[in-house]
């Protein structure tokens, strides 16, 4: 299960998944980021991975590093089966980028299922690739 501390910071290591469908864990296939460990979905839509984490009541921002690129897709973030964030990793050139999703409300404290999933692509994108580095972070903002 993910780390959680009194200050409201939750760090989910990508290696601590509870279930996975269509993602591979390891080094990025892009030579520029080969030292980064994380998830790669092989340019396939509707892939996902899940985690468990304890959340206190509050409002959170989520952040994760990933590679933007011309064939990259849209990431959705779900908390207990409800979509709470989305981020488009499409970009003209391959660059490492920090995605932030804000305003994630948690009304009841407890263990939550966190799911990262591929869900579609930008009209200009040539695919659904997601290359996500290291970990997913949540920090309480209210």
Protein backbone atom coordinates (compact mmCIF):
# COMPACT_ATOMS: atom_id res chain seq x y z
CA UNK A 1 0.00 0.00 0.00
CA UNK A 2 1.10 3.59 -0.64
CA UNK A 3 2.88 5.78 1.88
CA UNK A 4 0.76 8.39 3.66
CA UNK A 5 1.91 10.82 6.29
CA UNK A 6 0.27 13.35 8.60
CA UNK A 7 1.04 16.25 6.26
CA UNK A 8 -1.28 14.83 3.60
CA UNK A 9 1.33 13.61 1.13
CA UNK A 10 0.71 10.23 -0.51
CA UNK A 11 3.38 8.65 -2.71
CA UNK A 12 2.39 5.63 -4.78
CA UNK A 13 5.35 3.71 -6.18
CA UNK A 14 4.46 2.25 -9.58
CA UNK A 15 5.88 -1.11 -8.53
CA UNK A 16 3.25 -1.45 -5.76
CA UNK A 17 0.30 -2.15 -8.07
CA UNK A 18 -2.57 -4.45 -7.12
CA UNK A 19 -3.71 -5.22 -10.70
CA UNK A 20 -2.55 -4.39 -14.21
CA UNK A 21 -3.96 -4.71 -17.75
CA UNK A 22 -1.83 -3.88 -20.78
CA UNK A 23 1.01 -1.94 -19.12
CA UNK A 24 4.62 -3.15 -18.80
CA UNK A 25 6.80 -2.08 -15.88
CA UNK A 26 10.47 -1.30 -16.55
CA UNK A 27 12.74 1.14 -18.36
CA UNK A 28 11.29 3.46 -20.97
CA UNK A 29 11.75 2.39 -24.60
CA UNK A 30 12.69 6.00 -25.50
CA UNK A 31 16.50 6.24 -25.31
CA UNK A 32 16.41 9.73 -23.78
CA UNK A 33 14.61 8.47 -20.66
CA UNK A 34 16.00 4.94 -20.36
CA UNK A 35 17.14 5.54 -16.78
CA UNK A 36 13.56 6.21 -15.67
CA UNK A 37 11.53 3.27 -14.41
CA UNK A 38 7.81 3.30 -14.88
CA UNK A 39 4.85 2.12 -16.93
CA UNK A 40 4.74 1.78 -20.69
CA UNK A 41 1.53 0.71 -22.40
CA UNK A 42 2.85 -0.23 -25.85
CA UNK A 43 0.68 2.33 -27.68
CA UNK A 44 -2.59 0.60 -26.75
CA UNK A 45 -5.86 2.23 -25.68
CA UNK A 46 -7.88 1.11 -22.63
CA UNK A 47 -4.89 -0.11 -20.58
CA UNK A 48 -4.88 0.38 -16.80
CA UNK A 49 -3.19 -0.32 -13.49
CA UNK A 50 -4.58 -0.06 -9.94
CA UNK A 51 -3.21 0.72 -6.47
CA UNK A 52 -4.48 0.97 -2.91
CA UNK A 53 -3.81 4.06 -0.79
CA UNK A 54 -5.17 5.55 2.41
CA UNK A 55 -6.66 9.05 2.00
CA UNK A 56 -7.75 11.44 4.75
CA UNK A 57 -10.69 13.78 4.13
CA UNK A 58 -9.67 16.78 2.04
CA UNK A 59 -8.94 18.16 -1.40
CA UNK A 60 -5.87 16.89 -3.23
CA UNK A 61 -3.70 17.61 -6.23
CA UNK A 62 -2.19 14.64 -8.08
CA UNK A 63 1.07 14.79 -9.98
CA UNK A 64 3.11 12.36 -12.05
CA UNK A 65 5.96 12.50 -14.52
CA UNK A 66 5.48 11.23 -18.01
CA UNK A 67 6.77 11.68 -21.53
CA UNK A 68 4.77 13.85 -23.91
CA UNK A 69 5.05 12.90 -27.57
CA UNK A 70 3.46 12.90 -31.02
CA UNK A 71 1.93 9.42 -30.54
CA UNK A 72 0.91 9.77 -26.90
CA UNK A 73 -2.57 9.40 -25.44
CA UNK A 74 -4.81 10.71 -22.69
CA UNK A 75 -4.46 9.49 -19.11
CA UNK A 76 -7.46 9.29 -16.80
CA UNK A 77 -7.15 9.04 -13.02
CA UNK A 78 -9.91 7.30 -11.06
CA UNK A 79 -10.52 7.14 -7.32
CA UNK A 80 -12.85 4.32 -6.22
CA UNK A 81 -14.21 4.01 -9.76
CA UNK A 82 -14.91 7.73 -10.27
CA UNK A 83 -12.85 9.76 -12.74
CA UNK A 84 -11.16 12.58 -10.81
CA UNK A 85 -8.59 13.80 -13.34
CA UNK A 86 -7.47 13.62 -16.93
CA UNK A 87 -4.28 14.66 -18.71
CA UNK A 88 -3.36 14.73 -22.40
CA UNK A 89 0.23 13.55 -22.98
CA UNK A 90 0.22 14.58 -26.67
CA UNK A 91 3.06 16.94 -27.66
CA UNK A 92 4.99 17.73 -30.82
CA UNK A 93 8.35 16.54 -29.43
CA UNK A 94 9.21 13.91 -26.83
CA UNK A 95 9.77 15.72 -23.52
CA UNK A 96 9.56 14.72 -19.89
CA UNK A 97 6.64 16.55 -18.32
CA UNK A 98 4.96 16.78 -14.91
CA UNK A 99 1.18 16.34 -15.19
CA UNK A 100 -0.96 17.90 -12.45
CA UNK A 101 -4.61 17.23 -11.76
CA UNK A 102 -6.27 19.50 -9.17
CA UNK A 103 -9.45 19.63 -7.11
CA UNK A 104 -9.63 15.93 -6.21
CA UNK A 105 -12.16 15.80 -3.35
CA UNK A 106 -12.16 13.01 -0.77
CA UNK A 107 -15.30 13.12 1.43
CA UNK A 108 -14.62 10.06 3.60
CA UNK A 109 -11.27 8.87 4.93
CA UNK A 110 -10.19 5.33 4.16
CA UNK A 111 -8.42 3.01 1.77
CA UNK A 112 -9.20 3.97 -1.83
CA UNK A 113 -8.58 2.21 -5.12
CA UNK A 114 -6.54 4.43 -7.43
CA UNK A 115 -6.59 3.58 -11.14
CA UNK A 116 -4.45 5.05 -13.92
CA UNK A 117 -5.85 4.30 -17.37
CA UNK A 118 -5.42 5.17 -21.02
CA UNK A 119 -8.59 6.67 -22.43
CA UNK A 120 -8.45 7.99 -25.94
CA UNK A 121 -6.11 10.38 -27.68
CA UNK A 122 -5.85 13.93 -28.93
CA UNK A 123 -7.03 14.38 -32.53
CA UNK A 124 -3.46 15.26 -33.55
CA UNK A 125 -1.89 12.23 -31.89
CA UNK A 126 -0.79 9.16 -33.82
CA UNK A 127 -1.45 6.76 -30.94
CA UNK A 128 -2.19 6.04 -27.28
CA UNK A 129 1.33 5.69 -25.83
CA UNK A 130 1.81 6.41 -22.13
CA UNK A 131 5.29 6.41 -20.58
CA UNK A 132 4.91 7.23 -16.88
CA UNK A 133 7.95 7.65 -14.63
CA UNK A 134 8.61 6.53 -11.07
CA UNK A 135 5.53 7.31 -8.98
CA UNK A 136 2.21 9.06 -8.54
CA UNK A 137 1.96 11.72 -5.82
CA UNK A 138 -1.05 13.24 -4.09
CA UNK A 139 -0.79 16.21 -1.76
CA UNK A 140 -3.60 17.67 0.31
CA UNK A 141 -4.37 21.28 -0.56
CA UNK A 142 -7.41 21.84 1.70
